[in-house]
Amino acid sequence: MPKKNRRWGLLSSIFHSAVAEIAAAHEATSAVRKTVACTPVLGSYWYLEMEHGSFSDHSKSTFSLSDEDHTLANSVRFVLNQDPRVSFCGYSIPHPSDARVNIRVQTTGDSAREVLKDACQDLMLMCQHVRSTFEKAVVDHKMSQPVKDMSIKK
């Protein structure tokens, strides 16, 4: 299955496990960098790291997503920028050959981890809405189009 279709089809399960792993990594980390393996997705793992987070100020953190690209990063950035608690959000890809995305979140006082968790949940709801709307439109289209007989010539 192509990467883009796989991501779309399993987006909610990925976000659900990622949000739980963000919380676990943030609370259990004793070093500046901690790698957490998330739920396996079609035989591969989706890795999430929290790095460069401040232990004294939880309102600023950089989250690193392995094996991701602009598709997910720009979507998360968009949703984060809609949140009034976010003072800055951006993402970068360190190198084109490295399948890694760094997402920087700075908030007005709330925990960056909680704001990212809320943004992931909001994005998941948006994706579920788009998917259900699309599936309904497909069903409506199929019902409105009569089935035509095929004339097969011998």
N, C-alpha and C. Protein backbone atom coordinates (compact mmCIF):
# COMPACT_ATOMS: atom_id res chain seq x y z
N MET A 1 0.85 -1.17 0.00
CA MET A 1 0.00 0.00 0.00
C MET A 1 0.90 1.23 0.00
N PRO A 2 0.64 2.23 -0.83
CA PRO A 2 1.47 3.43 -0.86
C PRO A 2 1.46 4.14 0.49
N LYS A 3 2.57 4.84 0.78
CA LYS A 3 2.74 5.49 2.06
C LYS A 3 1.62 6.49 2.35
N LYS A 4 1.24 7.30 1.37
CA LYS A 4 0.22 8.32 1.58
C LYS A 4 -1.13 7.68 1.93
N ASN A 5 -1.53 6.62 1.21
CA ASN A 5 -2.80 5.96 1.49
C ASN A 5 -2.78 5.26 2.83
N ARG A 6 -1.65 4.66 3.16
CA ARG A 6 -1.51 4.00 4.45
C ARG A 6 -1.66 5.02 5.57
N ARG A 7 -1.04 6.18 5.40
CA ARG A 7 -1.11 7.21 6.42
C ARG A 7 -2.54 7.68 6.58
N TRP A 8 -3.24 7.89 5.48
CA TRP A 8 -4.63 8.38 5.56
C TRP A 8 -5.50 7.36 6.25
N GLY A 9 -5.35 6.11 5.88
CA GLY A 9 -6.20 5.07 6.42
C GLY A 9 -5.97 4.81 7.90
N LEU A 10 -4.77 5.01 8.37
CA LEU A 10 -4.46 4.69 9.76
C LEU A 10 -4.14 5.93 10.59
N LEU A 11 -4.52 7.10 10.10
CA LEU A 11 -4.17 8.35 10.77
C LEU A 11 -4.68 8.39 12.20
N SER A 12 -5.91 7.98 12.42
CA SER A 12 -6.46 8.06 13.78
C SER A 12 -5.72 7.13 14.74
N SER A 13 -5.37 5.93 14.30
CA SER A 13 -4.65 5.02 15.20
C SER A 13 -3.24 5.52 15.47
N ILE A 14 -2.62 6.13 14.47
CA ILE A 14 -1.28 6.67 14.66
C ILE A 14 -1.32 7.80 15.68
N PHE A 15 -2.26 8.74 15.49
CA PHE A 15 -2.34 9.86 16.40
C PHE A 15 -2.68 9.41 17.82
N HIS A 16 -3.58 8.43 17.93
CA HIS A 16 -3.97 7.95 19.25
C HIS A 16 -2.75 7.40 19.99
N SER A 17 -1.96 6.57 19.33
CA SER A 17 -0.79 6.01 19.99
C SER A 17 0.29 7.06 20.19
N ALA A 18 0.42 8.00 19.24
CA ALA A 18 1.45 9.03 19.36
C ALA A 18 1.18 9.94 20.54
N VAL A 19 -0.07 10.31 20.73
CA VAL A 19 -0.42 11.19 21.83
C VAL A 19 -0.09 10.52 23.17
N ALA A 20 -0.40 9.26 23.29
CA ALA A 20 -0.08 8.53 24.51
C ALA A 20 1.42 8.45 24.72
N GLU A 21 2.16 8.23 23.65
CA GLU A 21 3.60 8.12 23.75
C GLU A 21 4.26 9.47 24.04
N ILE A 22 3.69 10.56 23.53
CA ILE A 22 4.22 11.89 23.84
C ILE A 22 4.12 12.12 25.35
N ALA A 23 2.97 11.80 25.90
CA ALA A 23 2.77 11.99 27.33
C ALA A 23 3.74 11.12 28.13
N ALA A 24 3.88 9.87 27.73
CA ALA A 24 4.78 8.96 28.45
C ALA A 24 6.23 9.42 28.34
N ALA A 25 6.64 9.86 27.16
CA ALA A 25 8.02 10.30 26.96
C ALA A 25 8.30 11.56 27.77
N HIS A 26 7.33 12.45 27.82
CA HIS A 26 7.53 13.71 28.53
C HIS A 26 7.64 13.48 30.04
N GLU A 27 6.80 12.61 30.58
CA GLU A 27 6.79 12.39 32.01
C GLU A 27 7.90 11.46 32.47
N ALA A 28 8.33 10.53 31.61
CA ALA A 28 9.31 9.55 32.03
C ALA A 28 10.74 9.92 31.65
N THR A 29 10.93 10.98 30.91
CA THR A 29 12.26 11.30 30.42
C THR A 29 13.15 11.82 31.55
N SER A 30 14.36 11.33 31.59
CA SER A 30 15.33 11.83 32.55
C SER A 30 16.52 12.46 31.82
N ALA A 31 16.52 12.34 30.50
CA ALA A 31 17.57 12.94 29.68
C ALA A 31 16.92 13.94 28.75
N VAL A 32 17.75 14.68 28.04
CA VAL A 32 17.23 15.69 27.11
C VAL A 32 16.55 15.03 25.93
N ARG A 33 16.99 13.83 25.55
CA ARG A 33 16.43 13.15 24.39
C ARG A 33 15.99 11.75 24.77
N LYS A 34 14.79 11.40 24.37
CA LYS A 34 14.26 10.06 24.66
C LYS A 34 13.52 9.57 23.42
N THR A 35 13.80 8.36 22.99
CA THR A 35 13.13 7.77 21.85
C THR A 35 12.10 6.77 22.33
N VAL A 36 10.92 6.85 21.75
CA VAL A 36 9.83 5.96 22.14
C VAL A 36 9.31 5.28 20.88
N ALA A 37 9.22 3.97 20.89
CA ALA A 37 8.65 3.24 19.76
C ALA A 37 7.15 3.15 19.96
N CYS A 38 6.42 3.59 18.98
CA CYS A 38 4.96 3.57 19.06
C CYS A 38 4.41 2.30 18.44
N THR A 39 3.12 2.25 18.32
CA THR A 39 2.41 1.09 17.80
C THR A 39 2.93 0.71 16.41
N PRO A 40 3.13 -0.58 16.14
CA PRO A 40 3.54 -0.97 14.80
C PRO A 40 2.45 -0.67 13.78
N VAL A 41 2.87 -0.14 12.65
CA VAL A 41 1.94 0.17 11.57
C VAL A 41 2.39 -0.60 10.33
N LEU A 42 1.64 -1.61 9.97
CA LEU A 42 1.94 -2.45 8.81
C LEU A 42 3.38 -2.95 8.81
N GLY A 43 3.82 -3.46 9.94
CA GLY A 43 5.12 -4.09 10.01
C GLY A 43 6.26 -3.13 10.33
N SER A 44 6.03 -1.82 10.35
CA SER A 44 7.09 -0.89 10.70
C SER A 44 6.65 -0.08 11.91
N TYR A 45 7.59 0.55 12.56
CA TYR A 45 7.28 1.34 13.75
C TYR A 45 7.32 2.82 13.42
N TRP A 46 6.50 3.57 14.12
CA TRP A 46 6.46 5.01 13.99
C TRP A 46 7.14 5.57 15.23
N TYR A 47 8.23 6.27 15.06
CA TYR A 47 9.01 6.72 16.20
C TYR A 47 8.75 8.19 16.50
N LEU A 48 8.70 8.49 17.77
CA LEU A 48 8.49 9.85 18.23
C LEU A 48 9.54 10.16 19.28
N GLU A 49 10.18 11.29 19.13
CA GLU A 49 11.15 11.72 20.12
C GLU A 49 10.76 13.10 20.61
N MET A 50 10.99 13.36 21.88
CA MET A 50 10.88 14.72 22.36
C MET A 50 12.30 15.16 22.67
N GLU A 51 12.72 16.25 22.10
CA GLU A 51 14.08 16.69 22.33
C GLU A 51 14.10 18.18 22.58
N HIS A 52 15.14 18.63 23.18
CA HIS A 52 15.36 20.04 23.45
C HIS A 52 14.22 20.66 24.25
N GLY A 53 13.52 19.85 25.01
CA GLY A 53 12.48 20.37 25.88
C GLY A 53 13.11 20.88 27.17
N SER A 54 12.53 21.89 27.75
CA SER A 54 13.03 22.43 29.00
C SER A 54 12.36 21.71 30.16
N PHE A 55 13.14 21.32 31.15
CA PHE A 55 12.57 20.63 32.30
C PHE A 55 11.90 21.62 33.24
N SER A 56 12.33 22.88 33.21
CA SER A 56 11.73 23.88 34.10
C SER A 56 10.57 24.61 33.43
N ASP A 57 10.59 24.73 32.11
CA ASP A 57 9.53 25.45 31.38
C ASP A 57 8.93 24.50 30.34
N HIS A 58 7.77 23.94 30.66
CA HIS A 58 7.13 22.97 29.78
C HIS A 58 6.34 23.63 28.65
N SER A 59 6.39 24.94 28.57
CA SER A 59 5.63 25.63 27.52
C SER A 59 6.39 25.68 26.20
N LYS A 60 7.63 25.21 26.17
CA LYS A 60 8.42 25.21 24.94
C LYS A 60 9.06 23.85 24.74
N SER A 61 8.80 23.23 23.61
CA SER A 61 9.40 21.93 23.32
C SER A 61 9.50 21.73 21.82
N THR A 62 10.46 20.89 21.43
CA THR A 62 10.60 20.46 20.05
C THR A 62 10.36 18.97 20.01
N PHE A 63 9.44 18.56 19.15
CA PHE A 63 9.11 17.15 19.00
C PHE A 63 9.63 16.68 17.66
N SER A 64 10.24 15.52 17.63
CA SER A 64 10.80 14.99 16.41
C SER A 64 10.06 13.72 16.01
N LEU A 65 9.56 13.69 14.78
CA LEU A 65 8.83 12.53 14.27
C LEU A 65 9.68 11.83 13.22
N SER A 66 9.94 10.57 13.43
CA SER A 66 10.72 9.79 12.46
C SER A 66 9.81 9.22 11.39
N ASP A 67 10.36 9.04 10.22
CA ASP A 67 9.68 8.43 9.08
C ASP A 67 8.44 9.23 8.67
N GLU A 68 8.53 10.56 8.73
CA GLU A 68 7.44 11.44 8.32
C GLU A 68 7.98 12.52 7.40
N ASP A 69 7.06 13.21 6.74
CA ASP A 69 7.46 14.26 5.81
C ASP A 69 6.52 15.45 5.93
N HIS A 70 6.50 16.32 4.91
CA HIS A 70 5.71 17.54 4.93
C HIS A 70 4.21 17.28 5.10
N THR A 71 3.72 16.15 4.64
CA THR A 71 2.29 15.88 4.68
C THR A 71 1.74 15.97 6.10
N LEU A 72 2.31 15.22 7.00
CA LEU A 72 1.85 15.24 8.38
C LEU A 72 2.29 16.51 9.09
N ALA A 73 3.52 16.92 8.89
CA ALA A 73 4.05 18.08 9.61
C ALA A 73 3.27 19.35 9.31
N ASN A 74 2.94 19.59 8.06
CA ASN A 74 2.21 20.80 7.71
C ASN A 74 0.78 20.75 8.26
N SER A 75 0.18 19.58 8.30
CA SER A 75 -1.16 19.44 8.87
C SER A 75 -1.15 19.74 10.36
N VAL A 76 -0.18 19.19 11.07
CA VAL A 76 -0.07 19.44 12.51
C VAL A 76 0.23 20.92 12.76
N ARG A 77 1.12 21.50 11.97
CA ARG A 77 1.45 22.92 12.11
C ARG A 77 0.21 23.78 11.91
N PHE A 78 -0.59 23.46 10.90
CA PHE A 78 -1.81 24.23 10.63
C PHE A 78 -2.76 24.20 11.82
N VAL A 79 -3.00 23.01 12.36
CA VAL A 79 -3.92 22.88 13.49
C VAL A 79 -3.36 23.58 14.72
N LEU A 80 -2.06 23.45 14.96
CA LEU A 80 -1.46 24.13 16.11
C LEU A 80 -1.58 25.65 16.00
N ASN A 81 -1.40 26.18 14.82
CA ASN A 81 -1.49 27.63 14.64
C ASN A 81 -2.91 28.16 14.80
N GLN A 82 -3.92 27.30 14.75
CA GLN A 82 -5.30 27.72 14.99
C GLN A 82 -5.61 27.84 16.48
N ASP A 83 -4.77 27.26 17.32
CA ASP A 83 -4.99 27.25 18.76
C ASP A 83 -4.52 28.57 19.38
N PRO A 84 -5.38 29.27 20.11
CA PRO A 84 -4.97 30.55 20.71
C PRO A 84 -3.91 30.40 21.80
N ARG A 85 -3.71 29.19 22.31
CA ARG A 85 -2.67 28.97 23.33
C ARG A 85 -1.28 28.93 22.73
N VAL A 86 -1.17 28.82 21.41
CA VAL A 86 0.13 28.68 20.75
C VAL A 86 0.65 30.06 20.36
N SER A 87 1.85 30.37 20.83
CA SER A 87 2.48 31.63 20.44
C SER A 87 3.40 31.43 19.24
N PHE A 88 3.96 30.24 19.08
CA PHE A 88 4.80 29.94 17.92
C PHE A 88 4.71 28.45 17.62
N CYS A 89 4.63 28.14 16.35
CA CYS A 89 4.69 26.75 15.91
C CYS A 89 5.31 26.73 14.53
N GLY A 90 6.21 25.83 14.33
CA GLY A 90 6.82 25.66 13.02
C GLY A 90 7.43 24.28 12.92
N TYR A 91 7.78 23.90 11.72
CA TYR A 91 8.43 22.60 11.56
C TYR A 91 9.57 22.73 10.58
N SER A 92 10.48 21.81 10.69
CA SER A 92 11.60 21.76 9.75
C SER A 92 11.96 20.32 9.49
N ILE A 93 12.56 20.11 8.33
CA ILE A 93 13.10 18.80 7.98
C ILE A 93 14.61 19.00 7.92
N PRO A 94 15.34 18.37 8.84
CA PRO A 94 16.78 18.64 8.95
C PRO A 94 17.57 18.43 7.66
N HIS A 95 17.23 17.38 6.92
CA HIS A 95 17.93 17.09 5.67
C HIS A 95 16.97 16.32 4.77
N PRO A 96 16.98 16.62 3.46
CA PRO A 96 16.03 15.93 2.56
C PRO A 96 16.16 14.41 2.54
N SER A 97 17.35 13.90 2.79
CA SER A 97 17.51 12.45 2.78
C SER A 97 17.17 11.81 4.13
N ASP A 98 16.92 12.63 5.14
CA ASP A 98 16.57 12.13 6.46
C ASP A 98 15.06 12.22 6.63
N ALA A 99 14.41 11.10 6.84
CA ALA A 99 12.95 11.07 6.98
C ALA A 99 12.57 11.44 8.41
N ARG A 100 12.81 12.68 8.75
CA ARG A 100 12.55 13.16 10.11
C ARG A 100 11.97 14.57 10.02
N VAL A 101 11.02 14.85 10.90
CA VAL A 101 10.41 16.17 10.98
C VAL A 101 10.53 16.67 12.41
N ASN A 102 11.00 17.90 12.58
CA ASN A 102 11.05 18.52 13.89
C ASN A 102 9.93 19.55 13.97
N ILE A 103 9.10 19.44 15.00
CA ILE A 103 8.00 20.37 15.21
C ILE A 103 8.27 21.14 16.50
N ARG A 104 8.39 22.45 16.38
CA ARG A 104 8.64 23.32 17.53
C ARG A 104 7.32 23.94 17.98
N VAL A 105 7.02 23.83 19.27
CA VAL A 105 5.79 24.38 19.83
C VAL A 105 6.15 25.26 21.02
N GLN A 106 5.69 26.51 20.98
CA GLN A 106 5.82 27.42 22.11
C GLN A 106 4.43 27.94 22.43
N THR A 107 4.08 27.86 23.71
CA THR A 107 2.73 28.25 24.10
C THR A 107 2.77 29.49 25.00
N THR A 108 1.59 29.98 25.31
CA THR A 108 1.47 31.15 26.17
C THR A 108 1.52 30.80 27.65
N GLY A 109 1.72 29.56 27.96
CA GLY A 109 1.82 29.13 29.36
C GLY A 109 1.44 27.68 29.58
N ASP A 110 0.57 27.14 28.75
CA ASP A 110 0.17 25.73 28.89
C ASP A 110 1.32 24.82 28.46
N SER A 111 1.23 23.58 28.85
CA SER A 111 2.23 22.59 28.49
C SER A 111 2.22 22.36 26.97
N ALA A 112 3.39 22.42 26.35
CA ALA A 112 3.50 22.19 24.91
C ALA A 112 3.04 20.78 24.56
N ARG A 113 3.29 19.85 25.45
CA ARG A 113 2.87 18.46 25.23
C ARG A 113 1.35 18.37 25.16
N GLU A 114 0.66 19.05 26.09
CA GLU A 114 -0.80 19.02 26.11
C GLU A 114 -1.39 19.72 24.88
N VAL A 115 -0.77 20.81 24.48
CA VAL A 115 -1.26 21.54 23.30
C VAL A 115 -1.08 20.68 22.05
N LEU A 116 0.08 20.00 21.94
CA LEU A 116 0.30 19.12 20.79
C LEU A 116 -0.69 17.95 20.83
N LYS A 117 -0.94 17.42 22.00
CA LYS A 117 -1.92 16.33 22.15
C LYS A 117 -3.30 16.79 21.67
N ASP A 118 -3.73 17.98 22.10
CA ASP A 118 -5.02 18.51 21.68
C ASP A 118 -5.06 18.74 20.17
N ALA A 119 -3.96 19.25 19.61
CA ALA A 119 -3.90 19.49 18.16
C ALA A 119 -4.00 18.18 17.39
N CYS A 120 -3.34 17.14 17.87
CA CYS A 120 -3.42 15.83 17.21
C CYS A 120 -4.85 15.29 17.26
N GLN A 121 -5.51 15.48 18.39
CA GLN A 121 -6.89 15.02 18.49
C GLN A 121 -7.81 15.83 17.57
N ASP A 122 -7.58 17.14 17.49
CA ASP A 122 -8.37 17.97 16.57
C ASP A 122 -8.15 17.56 15.12
N LEU A 123 -6.89 17.30 14.77
CA LEU A 123 -6.58 16.87 13.40
C LEU A 123 -7.22 15.51 13.11
N MET A 124 -7.23 14.64 14.08
CA MET A 124 -7.86 13.34 13.91
C MET A 124 -9.35 13.51 13.64
N LEU A 125 -10.00 14.41 14.38
CA LEU A 125 -11.43 14.66 14.16
C LEU A 125 -11.67 15.27 12.77
N MET A 126 -10.80 16.16 12.34
CA MET A 126 -10.93 16.74 10.99
C MET A 126 -10.82 15.66 9.92
N CYS A 127 -9.85 14.78 10.09
CA CYS A 127 -9.65 13.71 9.11
C CYS A 127 -10.84 12.75 9.10
N GLN A 128 -11.38 12.46 10.26
CA GLN A 128 -12.55 11.58 10.32
C GLN A 128 -13.75 12.24 9.64
N HIS A 129 -13.91 13.55 9.83
CA HIS A 129 -15.00 14.27 9.18
C HIS A 129 -14.84 14.27 7.66
N VAL A 130 -13.63 14.55 7.19
CA VAL A 130 -13.39 14.55 5.74
C VAL A 130 -13.64 13.17 5.17
N ARG A 131 -13.16 12.16 5.85
CA ARG A 131 -13.35 10.79 5.35
C ARG A 131 -14.82 10.41 5.30
N SER A 132 -15.58 10.70 6.35
CA SER A 132 -17.00 10.34 6.36
C SER A 132 -17.78 11.14 5.32
N THR A 133 -17.43 12.41 5.14
CA THR A 133 -18.08 13.23 4.11
C THR A 133 -17.79 12.67 2.73
N PHE A 134 -16.54 12.28 2.49
CA PHE A 134 -16.17 11.72 1.20
C PHE A 134 -16.90 10.40 0.95
N GLU A 135 -16.92 9.52 1.94
CA GLU A 135 -17.60 8.24 1.78
C GLU A 135 -19.09 8.43 1.53
N LYS A 136 -19.71 9.38 2.19
CA LYS A 136 -21.13 9.67 1.97
C LYS A 136 -21.34 10.19 0.55
N ALA A 137 -20.45 11.05 0.07
CA ALA A 137 -20.57 11.59 -1.28
C ALA A 137 -20.42 10.48 -2.33
N VAL A 138 -19.54 9.53 -2.08
CA VAL A 138 -19.37 8.41 -3.01
C VAL A 138 -20.64 7.57 -3.06
N VAL A 139 -21.20 7.28 -1.91
CA VAL A 139 -22.44 6.49 -1.86
C VAL A 139 -23.57 7.24 -2.56
N ASP A 140 -23.70 8.55 -2.30
CA ASP A 140 -24.73 9.35 -2.95
C ASP A 140 -24.56 9.36 -4.46
N HIS A 141 -23.33 9.47 -4.91
CA HIS A 141 -23.06 9.48 -6.35
C HIS A 141 -23.42 8.14 -6.99
N LYS A 142 -23.05 7.06 -6.33
CA LYS A 142 -23.36 5.73 -6.86
C LYS A 142 -24.86 5.50 -6.92
N MET A 143 -25.60 6.02 -5.94
CA MET A 143 -27.05 5.84 -5.93
C MET A 143 -27.73 6.70 -7.00
N SER A 144 -27.15 7.83 -7.33
CA SER A 144 -27.78 8.72 -8.31
C SER A 144 -27.46 8.32 -9.75
N GLN A 145 -26.45 7.54 -9.95
CA GLN A 145 -26.07 7.11 -11.28
C GLN A 145 -26.67 5.74 -11.56
N PRO A 146 -27.51 5.64 -12.56
CA PRO A 146 -28.07 4.31 -12.88
C PRO A 146 -26.98 3.40 -13.46
N VAL A 147 -27.14 2.14 -13.18
CA VAL A 147 -26.21 1.15 -13.71
C VAL A 147 -26.57 0.93 -15.18
N LYS A 148 -25.60 1.10 -16.03
CA LYS A 148 -25.84 0.94 -17.47
C LYS A 148 -25.44 -0.47 -17.89
N ASP A 149 -26.25 -1.01 -18.79
CA ASP A 149 -25.93 -2.31 -19.34
C ASP A 149 -24.72 -2.17 -20.27
N MET A 150 -23.88 -3.16 -20.20
CA MET A 150 -22.72 -3.18 -21.11
C MET A 150 -23.08 -4.01 -22.33
N SER A 151 -22.84 -3.47 -23.47
CA SER A 151 -23.09 -4.25 -24.69
C SER A 151 -21.76 -4.87 -25.13
N ILE A 152 -21.71 -6.17 -25.02
CA ILE A 152 -20.51 -6.90 -25.40
C ILE A 152 -20.75 -7.53 -26.76
N LYS A 153 -19.92 -7.15 -27.69
CA LYS A 153 -20.06 -7.68 -29.06
C LYS A 153 -19.13 -8.86 -29.20
N LYS A 154 -19.65 -9.89 -29.88
CA LYS A 154 -18.86 -11.09 -30.09
C LYS A 154 -18.22 -11.08 -31.44
